[in-house]
């Protein structure tokens, strides 16, 4: 996490993710997840085969993020302009190698 972004990790709309304990391979440094942005992707077979890496966040940390998101969603309003749905066509147009 860069110095200028450290303050953002403290916002209630963000969840801090540590690289360690357990050691994470999917991130290379301490970071945060924005839980006030919702990005939904249409699921299609080509998408599932084009992951940048096979690693994923540990179950413990994923559960923490999911729990915080569900709590946030229950208690806060998420602006419609922070909700994005991307269709298969849009995803492919941004990632030509998925064809």
N, C-alpha and C. Protein backbone atom coordinates (compact mmCIF):
# COMPACT_ATOMS: atom_id res chain seq x y z
N UNK A 1 0.86 -1.16 0.00
CA UNK A 1 0.00 0.00 0.00
C UNK A 1 0.91 1.22 0.00
N UNK A 2 0.69 2.14 -0.92
CA UNK A 2 1.52 3.33 -1.00
C UNK A 2 1.21 4.28 0.15
N UNK A 3 2.18 5.10 0.49
CA UNK A 3 2.02 6.03 1.61
C UNK A 3 0.79 6.93 1.43
N UNK A 4 0.58 7.43 0.22
CA UNK A 4 -0.55 8.34 0.00
C UNK A 4 -1.91 7.65 0.08
N UNK A 5 -1.93 6.33 0.04
CA UNK A 5 -3.21 5.61 0.11
C UNK A 5 -3.48 4.99 1.48
N UNK A 6 -2.53 5.08 2.41
CA UNK A 6 -2.72 4.44 3.71
C UNK A 6 -3.95 4.97 4.44
N UNK A 7 -4.24 6.25 4.32
CA UNK A 7 -5.40 6.82 5.01
C UNK A 7 -6.69 6.21 4.50
N UNK A 8 -6.72 5.81 3.22
CA UNK A 8 -7.94 5.24 2.65
C UNK A 8 -8.29 3.91 3.30
N UNK A 9 -7.28 3.18 3.74
CA UNK A 9 -7.53 1.88 4.38
C UNK A 9 -8.33 2.03 5.66
N UNK A 10 -8.33 3.21 6.25
CA UNK A 10 -9.03 3.45 7.51
C UNK A 10 -10.51 3.78 7.31
N UNK A 11 -10.93 4.03 6.09
CA UNK A 11 -12.33 4.35 5.82
C UNK A 11 -13.22 3.14 6.11
N UNK A 12 -14.42 3.37 6.59
CA UNK A 12 -15.33 2.26 6.90
C UNK A 12 -15.74 1.50 5.63
N UNK A 13 -15.54 2.10 4.48
CA UNK A 13 -15.89 1.45 3.22
C UNK A 13 -14.75 0.60 2.66
N UNK A 14 -13.68 0.45 3.43
CA UNK A 14 -12.54 -0.36 3.00
C UNK A 14 -12.19 -1.39 4.06
N UNK A 15 -11.70 -2.53 3.63
CA UNK A 15 -11.26 -3.59 4.53
C UNK A 15 -9.78 -3.85 4.26
N UNK A 16 -8.96 -3.73 5.28
CA UNK A 16 -7.53 -3.96 5.15
C UNK A 16 -7.24 -5.45 5.01
N UNK A 17 -6.34 -5.77 4.10
CA UNK A 17 -5.89 -7.14 3.88
C UNK A 17 -4.38 -7.16 4.05
N UNK A 18 -3.91 -7.93 5.00
CA UNK A 18 -2.47 -8.07 5.25
C UNK A 18 -1.89 -9.18 4.37
N UNK A 19 -0.69 -8.98 3.89
CA UNK A 19 0.00 -9.97 3.07
C UNK A 19 0.35 -11.22 3.89
N UNK A 20 0.52 -11.03 5.21
CA UNK A 20 0.96 -12.14 6.06
C UNK A 20 -0.15 -12.64 6.98
N UNK A 21 0.12 -13.80 7.59
CA UNK A 21 -0.71 -14.38 8.65
C UNK A 21 -2.14 -14.71 8.23
N UNK A 22 -2.39 -15.63 7.36
CA UNK A 22 -1.42 -16.44 6.65
C UNK A 22 -0.83 -15.69 5.45
N UNK A 23 0.31 -16.15 4.99
CA UNK A 23 0.98 -15.53 3.85
C UNK A 23 0.10 -15.64 2.61
N UNK A 24 -0.13 -14.52 1.96
CA UNK A 24 -0.97 -14.48 0.76
C UNK A 24 -0.11 -14.44 -0.50
N UNK A 25 -0.47 -15.22 -1.49
CA UNK A 25 0.23 -15.22 -2.77
C UNK A 25 -0.47 -14.34 -3.79
N UNK A 26 -1.75 -14.08 -3.57
CA UNK A 26 -2.55 -13.33 -4.55
C UNK A 26 -2.29 -11.82 -4.47
N UNK A 27 -1.71 -11.35 -3.36
CA UNK A 27 -1.32 -9.94 -3.24
C UNK A 27 0.15 -9.88 -2.87
N UNK A 28 0.83 -8.83 -3.33
CA UNK A 28 2.26 -8.74 -3.06
C UNK A 28 2.62 -7.79 -1.92
N UNK A 29 1.62 -7.10 -1.35
CA UNK A 29 1.86 -6.22 -0.21
C UNK A 29 0.53 -5.97 0.50
N UNK A 30 0.59 -5.44 1.72
CA UNK A 30 -0.63 -5.10 2.44
C UNK A 30 -1.48 -4.20 1.55
N UNK A 31 -2.78 -4.41 1.59
CA UNK A 31 -3.68 -3.69 0.69
C UNK A 31 -5.03 -3.51 1.36
N UNK A 32 -6.02 -3.11 0.57
CA UNK A 32 -7.39 -3.01 1.08
C UNK A 32 -8.38 -3.28 -0.04
N UNK A 33 -9.59 -3.67 0.38
CA UNK A 33 -10.67 -3.94 -0.55
C UNK A 33 -11.73 -2.86 -0.35
N UNK A 34 -12.18 -2.27 -1.43
CA UNK A 34 -13.26 -1.28 -1.36
C UNK A 34 -14.59 -2.03 -1.37
N UNK A 35 -15.34 -1.94 -0.28
CA UNK A 35 -16.60 -2.66 -0.21
C UNK A 35 -17.80 -1.79 -0.57
N UNK A 36 -17.54 -0.56 -0.97
CA UNK A 36 -18.64 0.30 -1.42
C UNK A 36 -18.70 0.39 -2.94
N UNK A 37 -17.94 -0.44 -3.62
CA UNK A 37 -18.00 -0.57 -5.07
C UNK A 37 -18.43 -1.99 -5.39
N UNK A 38 -19.40 -2.14 -6.26
CA UNK A 38 -19.87 -3.47 -6.64
C UNK A 38 -19.64 -3.64 -8.13
N UNK A 39 -18.81 -4.62 -8.45
CA UNK A 39 -18.53 -4.93 -9.86
C UNK A 39 -18.98 -6.36 -10.09
N UNK A 40 -19.97 -6.51 -10.95
CA UNK A 40 -20.48 -7.84 -11.28
C UNK A 40 -20.08 -8.17 -12.71
N UNK A 41 -19.58 -9.38 -12.89
CA UNK A 41 -19.17 -9.83 -14.21
C UNK A 41 -20.07 -10.96 -14.65
N UNK A 42 -20.49 -10.90 -15.89
CA UNK A 42 -21.22 -12.03 -16.44
C UNK A 42 -20.26 -13.22 -16.47
N UNK A 43 -20.73 -14.34 -15.98
CA UNK A 43 -19.89 -15.53 -15.95
C UNK A 43 -20.02 -16.28 -17.26
N UNK A 44 -18.88 -16.63 -17.85
CA UNK A 44 -18.88 -17.43 -19.07
C UNK A 44 -17.59 -18.24 -19.10
N UNK A 45 -17.57 -19.38 -19.77
CA UNK A 45 -16.44 -20.31 -19.69
C UNK A 45 -15.07 -19.68 -19.96
N UNK A 46 -14.96 -18.83 -20.96
CA UNK A 46 -13.67 -18.22 -21.28
C UNK A 46 -13.13 -17.36 -20.13
N UNK A 47 -14.02 -16.75 -19.39
CA UNK A 47 -13.61 -15.92 -18.26
C UNK A 47 -12.93 -16.77 -17.20
N UNK A 48 -13.50 -17.90 -16.90
CA UNK A 48 -12.97 -18.77 -15.86
C UNK A 48 -11.60 -19.34 -16.21
N UNK A 49 -11.28 -19.41 -17.46
CA UNK A 49 -9.97 -19.97 -17.85
C UNK A 49 -8.90 -18.90 -18.00
N UNK A 50 -9.22 -17.65 -17.78
CA UNK A 50 -8.27 -16.57 -18.00
C UNK A 50 -7.90 -15.81 -16.72
N UNK A 51 -7.92 -16.51 -15.61
CA UNK A 51 -7.50 -15.86 -14.37
C UNK A 51 -6.03 -15.48 -14.49
N UNK A 52 -5.68 -14.34 -13.90
CA UNK A 52 -4.30 -13.89 -13.94
C UNK A 52 -3.38 -14.87 -13.20
N UNK A 53 -3.91 -15.49 -12.16
CA UNK A 53 -3.16 -16.47 -11.40
C UNK A 53 -4.14 -17.44 -10.74
N UNK A 54 -3.66 -18.59 -10.37
CA UNK A 54 -4.54 -19.58 -9.76
C UNK A 54 -4.72 -19.34 -8.26
N UNK A 55 -3.82 -18.55 -7.67
CA UNK A 55 -3.92 -18.27 -6.24
C UNK A 55 -5.15 -17.44 -5.94
N UNK A 56 -5.64 -17.58 -4.72
CA UNK A 56 -6.77 -16.79 -4.27
C UNK A 56 -6.52 -16.38 -2.82
N UNK A 57 -7.27 -15.44 -2.35
CA UNK A 57 -7.18 -14.99 -0.98
C UNK A 57 -7.53 -16.14 -0.05
N UNK A 58 -6.85 -16.23 1.09
CA UNK A 58 -7.13 -17.30 2.05
C UNK A 58 -8.59 -17.24 2.48
N UNK A 59 -9.14 -18.38 2.82
CA UNK A 59 -10.54 -18.46 3.24
C UNK A 59 -10.83 -17.53 4.41
N UNK A 60 -9.92 -17.48 5.36
CA UNK A 60 -10.09 -16.64 6.55
C UNK A 60 -10.23 -15.16 6.17
N UNK A 61 -9.36 -14.69 5.29
CA UNK A 61 -9.41 -13.27 4.90
C UNK A 61 -10.58 -12.99 3.96
N UNK A 62 -10.91 -13.94 3.11
CA UNK A 62 -12.07 -13.76 2.24
C UNK A 62 -13.35 -13.66 3.08
N UNK A 63 -13.46 -14.51 4.10
CA UNK A 63 -14.63 -14.47 4.98
C UNK A 63 -14.70 -13.12 5.70
N UNK A 64 -13.56 -12.60 6.13
CA UNK A 64 -13.52 -11.29 6.79
C UNK A 64 -14.07 -10.21 5.85
N UNK A 65 -13.60 -10.22 4.62
CA UNK A 65 -14.06 -9.22 3.64
C UNK A 65 -15.55 -9.38 3.39
N UNK A 66 -15.99 -10.61 3.17
CA UNK A 66 -17.40 -10.86 2.88
C UNK A 66 -18.28 -10.43 4.06
N UNK A 67 -17.88 -10.78 5.28
CA UNK A 67 -18.65 -10.37 6.47
C UNK A 67 -18.73 -8.85 6.59
N UNK A 68 -17.60 -8.19 6.38
CA UNK A 68 -17.58 -6.71 6.46
C UNK A 68 -18.46 -6.11 5.37
N UNK A 69 -18.42 -6.69 4.16
CA UNK A 69 -19.26 -6.21 3.07
C UNK A 69 -20.73 -6.35 3.41
N UNK A 70 -21.13 -7.53 3.89
CA UNK A 70 -22.54 -7.76 4.22
C UNK A 70 -23.01 -6.80 5.32
N UNK A 71 -22.17 -6.56 6.30
CA UNK A 71 -22.50 -5.61 7.36
C UNK A 71 -22.61 -4.19 6.79
N UNK A 72 -21.65 -3.82 5.94
CA UNK A 72 -21.65 -2.50 5.33
C UNK A 72 -22.92 -2.30 4.49
N UNK A 73 -23.23 -3.29 3.68
CA UNK A 73 -24.40 -3.22 2.79
C UNK A 73 -25.69 -3.10 3.59
N UNK A 74 -25.73 -3.73 4.74
CA UNK A 74 -26.91 -3.68 5.61
C UNK A 74 -27.11 -2.30 6.23
N UNK A 75 -26.00 -1.63 6.53
CA UNK A 75 -26.06 -0.37 7.30
C UNK A 75 -25.78 0.90 6.50
N UNK A 76 -25.26 0.75 5.31
CA UNK A 76 -24.89 1.91 4.49
C UNK A 76 -25.56 1.83 3.13
N UNK A 77 -25.68 2.97 2.50
CA UNK A 77 -26.25 3.04 1.17
C UNK A 77 -25.11 3.06 0.16
N UNK A 78 -25.18 2.19 -0.84
CA UNK A 78 -24.17 2.16 -1.90
C UNK A 78 -24.76 2.85 -3.12
N UNK A 79 -24.13 3.93 -3.51
CA UNK A 79 -24.59 4.76 -4.62
C UNK A 79 -24.65 3.94 -5.90
N UNK A 80 -25.68 4.15 -6.70
CA UNK A 80 -25.85 3.42 -7.95
C UNK A 80 -24.67 3.60 -8.90
N UNK A 81 -23.99 4.75 -8.84
CA UNK A 81 -22.86 4.95 -9.75
C UNK A 81 -21.64 4.13 -9.32
N UNK A 82 -21.74 3.43 -8.18
CA UNK A 82 -20.66 2.55 -7.74
C UNK A 82 -21.02 1.08 -7.97
N UNK A 83 -22.10 0.86 -8.73
CA UNK A 83 -22.52 -0.49 -9.07
C UNK A 83 -22.36 -0.67 -10.58
N UNK A 84 -21.55 -1.63 -10.95
CA UNK A 84 -21.23 -1.82 -12.36
C UNK A 84 -21.48 -3.28 -12.74
N UNK A 85 -22.14 -3.50 -13.85
CA UNK A 85 -22.28 -4.83 -14.40
C UNK A 85 -21.59 -4.86 -15.75
N UNK A 86 -20.76 -5.85 -15.97
CA UNK A 86 -20.08 -5.98 -17.25
C UNK A 86 -20.52 -7.26 -17.93
N UNK A 87 -21.03 -7.11 -19.13
CA UNK A 87 -21.48 -8.27 -19.92
C UNK A 87 -20.28 -8.98 -20.54
N UNK A 88 -20.53 -10.16 -21.03
CA UNK A 88 -19.50 -10.94 -21.72
C UNK A 88 -18.88 -10.11 -22.84
N UNK A 89 -19.69 -9.44 -23.62
CA UNK A 89 -19.20 -8.64 -24.74
C UNK A 89 -18.29 -7.51 -24.26
N UNK A 90 -18.67 -6.84 -23.18
CA UNK A 90 -17.84 -5.75 -22.65
C UNK A 90 -16.51 -6.28 -22.12
N UNK A 91 -16.56 -7.39 -21.44
CA UNK A 91 -15.34 -7.98 -20.89
C UNK A 91 -14.41 -8.38 -22.01
N UNK A 92 -14.94 -9.03 -23.02
CA UNK A 92 -14.11 -9.46 -24.16
C UNK A 92 -13.52 -8.26 -24.88
N UNK A 93 -14.30 -7.20 -25.04
CA UNK A 93 -13.77 -6.03 -25.75
C UNK A 93 -12.61 -5.38 -24.98
N UNK A 94 -12.61 -5.51 -23.66
CA UNK A 94 -11.51 -4.97 -22.86
C UNK A 94 -10.35 -5.94 -22.72
N UNK A 95 -10.60 -7.19 -23.04
CA UNK A 95 -9.59 -8.26 -22.90
C UNK A 95 -9.60 -9.13 -24.14
N UNK A 96 -9.11 -8.59 -25.20
CA UNK A 96 -9.19 -9.26 -26.50
C UNK A 96 -8.67 -10.68 -26.48
N UNK A 97 -7.76 -11.03 -25.58
CA UNK A 97 -7.22 -12.37 -25.57
C UNK A 97 -8.17 -13.41 -24.98
N UNK A 98 -9.34 -12.99 -24.53
CA UNK A 98 -10.34 -13.94 -24.00
C UNK A 98 -11.12 -14.62 -25.11
N UNK A 99 -11.03 -14.12 -26.31
CA UNK A 99 -11.82 -14.69 -27.42
C UNK A 99 -11.46 -16.13 -27.69
